Amino acid sequence: MSFGKKTADICRRSDNREQVALAGSAMALTRSRSIIISDLSSEGAGLDGRDLPLPGHEVLVVIGTRDAFAKVVWRRDDKCGVHFEESLAPEHIEQMKQEAAWTNVAGWWR
């Protein structure tokens, strides 16, 4: 996998991320981990979870029935930010939000 932008450029994100609470997985060569997606845009996402990969590592982010290759651009404690290899289409983001909404996955109702 090769990403066209430098990590420093990616850290200065130009897209607005929507605050969400979506259940997902982040898979790397060495392991898979459960995550919560805390913010999402067509270009990237914020992930919350334990033992997240370090900056520069590549992951497959799975949200509902959709997935996207991404590179970790920053990490602090139990949070990291990823930049998607290819931009997500608006209809794919909506599908992810419907399928992986934390309240639906956990069975909580308001």
N, C-alpha and C. Protein backbone atom coordinates (compact mmCIF):
# COMPACT_ATOMS: atom_id res chain seq x y z
N MET A 1 0.83 -1.17 0.00
CA MET A 1 0.00 0.00 0.00
C MET A 1 0.88 1.24 0.00
N SER A 2 0.54 2.19 -0.79
CA SER A 2 1.31 3.42 -0.85
C SER A 2 0.35 4.60 -0.78
N PHE A 3 0.67 5.52 0.08
CA PHE A 3 -0.16 6.69 0.25
C PHE A 3 0.54 7.89 -0.35
N GLY A 4 -0.19 8.73 -1.09
CA GLY A 4 0.41 9.85 -1.80
C GLY A 4 0.80 11.03 -0.95
N LYS A 5 0.15 11.26 0.17
CA LYS A 5 0.43 12.43 0.99
C LYS A 5 1.41 12.08 2.09
N LYS A 6 2.20 13.06 2.48
CA LYS A 6 3.10 12.87 3.61
C LYS A 6 2.30 12.92 4.90
N THR A 7 2.80 12.24 5.93
CA THR A 7 2.11 12.20 7.22
C THR A 7 1.88 13.59 7.77
N ALA A 8 2.85 14.48 7.67
CA ALA A 8 2.70 15.84 8.20
C ALA A 8 1.56 16.57 7.51
N ASP A 9 1.40 16.36 6.19
CA ASP A 9 0.30 16.99 5.46
C ASP A 9 -1.04 16.43 5.90
N ILE A 10 -1.09 15.13 6.16
CA ILE A 10 -2.33 14.48 6.55
C ILE A 10 -2.77 14.95 7.93
N CYS A 11 -1.81 15.18 8.83
CA CYS A 11 -2.14 15.63 10.19
C CYS A 11 -2.84 16.98 10.17
N ARG A 12 -2.58 17.78 9.15
CA ARG A 12 -3.28 19.06 9.01
C ARG A 12 -4.51 18.83 8.17
N ARG A 13 -5.51 18.19 8.77
CA ARG A 13 -6.67 17.78 7.99
C ARG A 13 -7.49 18.98 7.55
N SER A 14 -8.01 18.88 6.34
CA SER A 14 -8.83 19.95 5.79
C SER A 14 -10.31 19.58 5.77
N ASP A 15 -10.61 18.32 6.03
CA ASP A 15 -12.00 17.88 6.01
C ASP A 15 -12.62 17.97 7.40
N ASN A 16 -13.89 18.25 7.45
CA ASN A 16 -14.60 18.31 8.73
C ASN A 16 -15.09 16.92 9.08
N ARG A 17 -14.77 16.51 10.29
CA ARG A 17 -15.20 15.19 10.73
C ARG A 17 -16.46 15.30 11.56
N GLU A 18 -17.35 14.34 11.35
CA GLU A 18 -18.60 14.26 12.10
C GLU A 18 -18.38 13.40 13.34
N GLN A 19 -18.83 13.88 14.49
CA GLN A 19 -18.74 13.10 15.72
C GLN A 19 -19.74 11.95 15.65
N VAL A 20 -19.25 10.73 15.88
CA VAL A 20 -20.08 9.54 15.82
C VAL A 20 -19.67 8.60 16.95
N ALA A 21 -20.39 7.52 17.13
CA ALA A 21 -20.02 6.44 18.05
C ALA A 21 -20.37 5.14 17.35
N LEU A 22 -19.41 4.63 16.56
CA LEU A 22 -19.64 3.45 15.75
C LEU A 22 -18.73 2.32 16.19
N ALA A 23 -19.25 1.11 16.24
CA ALA A 23 -18.45 -0.06 16.57
C ALA A 23 -17.73 -0.53 15.31
N GLY A 24 -16.49 -0.99 15.48
CA GLY A 24 -15.74 -1.46 14.33
C GLY A 24 -14.55 -2.29 14.74
N SER A 25 -13.73 -2.61 13.75
CA SER A 25 -12.49 -3.36 13.96
C SER A 25 -11.38 -2.70 13.18
N ALA A 26 -10.17 -2.80 13.70
CA ALA A 26 -8.98 -2.35 12.99
C ALA A 26 -8.06 -3.56 12.90
N MET A 27 -7.77 -3.99 11.68
CA MET A 27 -6.96 -5.18 11.47
C MET A 27 -5.62 -4.81 10.86
N ALA A 28 -4.57 -5.36 11.44
CA ALA A 28 -3.22 -5.19 10.92
C ALA A 28 -2.62 -6.58 10.72
N LEU A 29 -1.42 -6.64 10.22
CA LEU A 29 -0.78 -7.94 9.99
C LEU A 29 -0.62 -8.73 11.28
N THR A 30 -0.32 -8.04 12.37
CA THR A 30 -0.02 -8.74 13.62
C THR A 30 -1.23 -9.05 14.47
N ARG A 31 -2.31 -8.27 14.34
CA ARG A 31 -3.48 -8.53 15.17
C ARG A 31 -4.68 -7.71 14.75
N SER A 32 -5.82 -8.09 15.31
CA SER A 32 -7.08 -7.38 15.11
C SER A 32 -7.51 -6.81 16.45
N ARG A 33 -8.17 -5.65 16.43
CA ARG A 33 -8.64 -5.06 17.68
C ARG A 33 -10.01 -4.44 17.48
N SER A 34 -10.83 -4.53 18.52
CA SER A 34 -12.14 -3.86 18.50
C SER A 34 -11.91 -2.39 18.76
N ILE A 35 -12.67 -1.56 18.05
CA ILE A 35 -12.53 -0.11 18.17
C ILE A 35 -13.90 0.55 18.21
N ILE A 36 -13.89 1.79 18.66
CA ILE A 36 -15.03 2.69 18.52
C ILE A 36 -14.56 3.81 17.62
N ILE A 37 -15.29 4.10 16.57
CA ILE A 37 -14.97 5.22 15.69
C ILE A 37 -15.64 6.43 16.31
N SER A 38 -14.84 7.42 16.71
CA SER A 38 -15.38 8.59 17.41
C SER A 38 -15.64 9.77 16.49
N ASP A 39 -14.96 9.82 15.36
CA ASP A 39 -15.27 10.83 14.35
C ASP A 39 -14.94 10.25 12.98
N LEU A 40 -15.65 10.76 11.97
CA LEU A 40 -15.57 10.14 10.65
C LEU A 40 -15.79 11.18 9.56
N SER A 41 -14.99 11.07 8.51
CA SER A 41 -15.18 11.88 7.31
C SER A 41 -14.80 11.02 6.11
N SER A 42 -14.90 11.58 4.94
CA SER A 42 -14.54 10.82 3.74
C SER A 42 -13.04 10.55 3.67
N GLU A 43 -12.24 11.34 4.35
CA GLU A 43 -10.78 11.22 4.28
C GLU A 43 -10.15 10.45 5.43
N GLY A 44 -10.83 10.39 6.59
CA GLY A 44 -10.21 9.73 7.73
C GLY A 44 -11.16 9.57 8.89
N ALA A 45 -10.61 9.07 10.00
CA ALA A 45 -11.44 8.80 11.18
C ALA A 45 -10.59 8.85 12.44
N GLY A 46 -11.27 9.07 13.55
CA GLY A 46 -10.67 8.97 14.87
C GLY A 46 -11.09 7.65 15.48
N LEU A 47 -10.14 6.89 16.00
CA LEU A 47 -10.42 5.59 16.58
C LEU A 47 -10.10 5.59 18.06
N ASP A 48 -10.93 4.91 18.84
CA ASP A 48 -10.69 4.71 20.26
C ASP A 48 -10.58 3.21 20.49
N GLY A 49 -9.58 2.80 21.27
CA GLY A 49 -9.42 1.38 21.56
C GLY A 49 -8.13 1.13 22.32
N ARG A 50 -7.92 -0.11 22.69
CA ARG A 50 -6.72 -0.48 23.43
C ARG A 50 -5.64 -0.96 22.48
N ASP A 51 -4.40 -0.64 22.83
CA ASP A 51 -3.24 -1.12 22.08
C ASP A 51 -3.36 -0.82 20.59
N LEU A 52 -3.66 0.43 20.28
CA LEU A 52 -3.80 0.85 18.88
C LEU A 52 -2.44 0.89 18.20
N PRO A 53 -2.40 0.74 16.87
CA PRO A 53 -1.12 0.75 16.16
C PRO A 53 -0.45 2.12 16.21
N LEU A 54 0.84 2.11 16.00
CA LEU A 54 1.64 3.34 16.01
C LEU A 54 1.52 4.09 14.70
N PRO A 55 1.83 5.40 14.70
CA PRO A 55 1.84 6.17 13.45
C PRO A 55 2.71 5.50 12.40
N GLY A 56 2.21 5.52 11.17
CA GLY A 56 2.91 4.90 10.06
C GLY A 56 2.43 3.50 9.74
N HIS A 57 1.78 2.85 10.69
CA HIS A 57 1.26 1.50 10.45
C HIS A 57 0.00 1.57 9.60
N GLU A 58 -0.19 0.55 8.79
CA GLU A 58 -1.36 0.46 7.93
C GLU A 58 -2.36 -0.51 8.55
N VAL A 59 -3.65 -0.18 8.44
CA VAL A 59 -4.71 -1.01 9.01
C VAL A 59 -5.87 -1.10 8.03
N LEU A 60 -6.65 -2.15 8.19
CA LEU A 60 -7.92 -2.27 7.49
C LEU A 60 -8.99 -1.95 8.53
N VAL A 61 -9.72 -0.86 8.32
CA VAL A 61 -10.77 -0.45 9.24
C VAL A 61 -12.09 -1.02 8.72
N VAL A 62 -12.78 -1.78 9.57
CA VAL A 62 -14.05 -2.40 9.20
C VAL A 62 -15.15 -1.77 10.03
N ILE A 63 -16.15 -1.20 9.33
CA ILE A 63 -17.29 -0.56 9.99
C ILE A 63 -18.54 -1.11 9.32
N GLY A 64 -19.30 -1.91 10.07
CA GLY A 64 -20.47 -2.57 9.47
C GLY A 64 -19.99 -3.53 8.39
N THR A 65 -20.61 -3.47 7.21
CA THR A 65 -20.20 -4.33 6.11
C THR A 65 -19.19 -3.65 5.19
N ARG A 66 -18.75 -2.47 5.54
CA ARG A 66 -17.79 -1.71 4.73
C ARG A 66 -16.41 -1.78 5.36
N ASP A 67 -15.38 -1.65 4.52
CA ASP A 67 -14.02 -1.58 5.04
C ASP A 67 -13.21 -0.59 4.20
N ALA A 68 -12.10 -0.14 4.78
CA ALA A 68 -11.24 0.81 4.10
C ALA A 68 -9.82 0.66 4.62
N PHE A 69 -8.85 0.67 3.71
CA PHE A 69 -7.46 0.68 4.11
C PHE A 69 -7.10 2.08 4.58
N ALA A 70 -6.30 2.15 5.64
CA ALA A 70 -5.93 3.44 6.21
C ALA A 70 -4.53 3.38 6.81
N LYS A 71 -3.94 4.55 7.00
CA LYS A 71 -2.64 4.67 7.66
C LYS A 71 -2.83 5.47 8.94
N VAL A 72 -2.24 5.00 10.03
CA VAL A 72 -2.30 5.72 11.30
C VAL A 72 -1.38 6.93 11.19
N VAL A 73 -1.92 8.13 11.47
CA VAL A 73 -1.12 9.35 11.37
C VAL A 73 -0.75 9.92 12.74
N TRP A 74 -1.49 9.57 13.78
CA TRP A 74 -1.12 9.98 15.14
C TRP A 74 -1.73 9.00 16.14
N ARG A 75 -1.14 8.95 17.33
CA ARG A 75 -1.69 8.12 18.40
C ARG A 75 -1.33 8.74 19.75
N ARG A 76 -2.31 8.79 20.63
CA ARG A 76 -2.13 9.24 22.01
C ARG A 76 -2.99 8.35 22.90
N ASP A 77 -2.36 7.72 23.87
CA ASP A 77 -3.07 6.85 24.82
C ASP A 77 -3.94 5.84 24.07
N ASP A 78 -5.26 5.89 24.29
CA ASP A 78 -6.19 4.94 23.66
C ASP A 78 -6.94 5.55 22.48
N LYS A 79 -6.31 6.50 21.78
CA LYS A 79 -6.92 7.15 20.62
C LYS A 79 -5.89 7.25 19.50
N CYS A 80 -6.38 7.19 18.27
CA CYS A 80 -5.50 7.44 17.12
C CYS A 80 -6.33 8.02 15.98
N GLY A 81 -5.63 8.62 15.04
CA GLY A 81 -6.27 9.15 13.84
C GLY A 81 -5.74 8.42 12.63
N VAL A 82 -6.63 8.09 11.71
CA VAL A 82 -6.22 7.40 10.49
C VAL A 82 -6.65 8.20 9.27
N HIS A 83 -5.88 8.05 8.19
CA HIS A 83 -6.20 8.65 6.91
C HIS A 83 -6.47 7.52 5.94
N PHE A 84 -7.64 7.55 5.29
CA PHE A 84 -8.03 6.49 4.37
C PHE A 84 -7.21 6.56 3.08
N GLU A 85 -6.88 5.40 2.54
CA GLU A 85 -6.14 5.32 1.28
C GLU A 85 -6.97 5.92 0.14
N GLU A 86 -8.27 5.63 0.14
CA GLU A 86 -9.19 6.19 -0.85
C GLU A 86 -10.34 6.85 -0.12
N SER A 87 -10.79 7.99 -0.61
CA SER A 87 -11.91 8.70 0.02
C SER A 87 -13.17 7.84 0.02
N LEU A 88 -13.93 7.97 1.09
CA LEU A 88 -15.20 7.24 1.20
C LEU A 88 -16.31 8.05 0.54
N ALA A 89 -17.16 7.38 -0.19
CA ALA A 89 -18.31 8.03 -0.81
C ALA A 89 -19.35 8.35 0.26
N PRO A 90 -20.09 9.45 0.11
CA PRO A 90 -21.10 9.81 1.11
C PRO A 90 -22.09 8.70 1.41
N GLU A 91 -22.50 7.94 0.39
CA GLU A 91 -23.46 6.85 0.63
C GLU A 91 -22.83 5.72 1.45
N HIS A 92 -21.52 5.52 1.33
CA HIS A 92 -20.85 4.51 2.13
C HIS A 92 -20.74 4.95 3.59
N ILE A 93 -20.50 6.23 3.80
CA ILE A 93 -20.46 6.76 5.17
C ILE A 93 -21.82 6.60 5.83
N GLU A 94 -22.89 6.90 5.11
CA GLU A 94 -24.24 6.75 5.66
C GLU A 94 -24.54 5.29 5.99
N GLN A 95 -24.11 4.38 5.12
CA GLN A 95 -24.31 2.96 5.37
C GLN A 95 -23.55 2.54 6.64
N MET A 96 -22.32 2.99 6.78
CA MET A 96 -21.53 2.68 7.98
C MET A 96 -22.24 3.19 9.24
N LYS A 97 -22.75 4.41 9.17
CA LYS A 97 -23.42 5.00 10.34
C LYS A 97 -24.67 4.21 10.71
N GLN A 98 -25.40 3.71 9.74
CA GLN A 98 -26.61 2.93 10.02
C GLN A 98 -26.27 1.55 10.57
N GLU A 99 -25.30 0.88 9.98
CA GLU A 99 -24.99 -0.49 10.36
C GLU A 99 -24.20 -0.61 11.67
N ALA A 100 -23.38 0.38 11.95
CA ALA A 100 -22.46 0.24 13.08
C ALA A 100 -22.76 1.21 14.23
N ALA A 101 -23.93 1.83 14.23
CA ALA A 101 -24.28 2.75 15.32
C ALA A 101 -24.16 2.01 16.65
N TRP A 102 -23.43 2.59 17.57
CA TRP A 102 -23.14 1.92 18.85
C TRP A 102 -24.42 1.48 19.55
N THR A 103 -25.46 2.29 19.52
CA THR A 103 -26.71 1.92 20.19
C THR A 103 -27.35 0.70 19.53
N ASN A 104 -27.20 0.54 18.23
CA ASN A 104 -27.74 -0.64 17.54
C ASN A 104 -26.90 -1.88 17.84
N VAL A 105 -25.59 -1.74 17.79
CA VAL A 105 -24.69 -2.87 18.00
C VAL A 105 -24.78 -3.37 19.44
N ALA A 106 -24.82 -2.45 20.40
CA ALA A 106 -24.84 -2.81 21.82
C ALA A 106 -26.26 -3.18 22.29
N GLY A 107 -27.28 -2.87 21.49
CA GLY A 107 -28.63 -3.18 21.88
C GLY A 107 -29.24 -2.16 22.83
N TRP A 108 -28.65 -0.97 22.89
CA TRP A 108 -29.18 0.08 23.76
C TRP A 108 -30.19 0.91 22.99
N TRP A 109 -31.22 1.29 23.64
CA TRP A 109 -32.27 2.10 23.02
C TRP A 109 -32.48 3.35 23.84
N ARG A 110 -32.75 4.44 23.16
CA ARG A 110 -33.00 5.71 23.87
C ARG A 110 -34.47 5.91 24.04
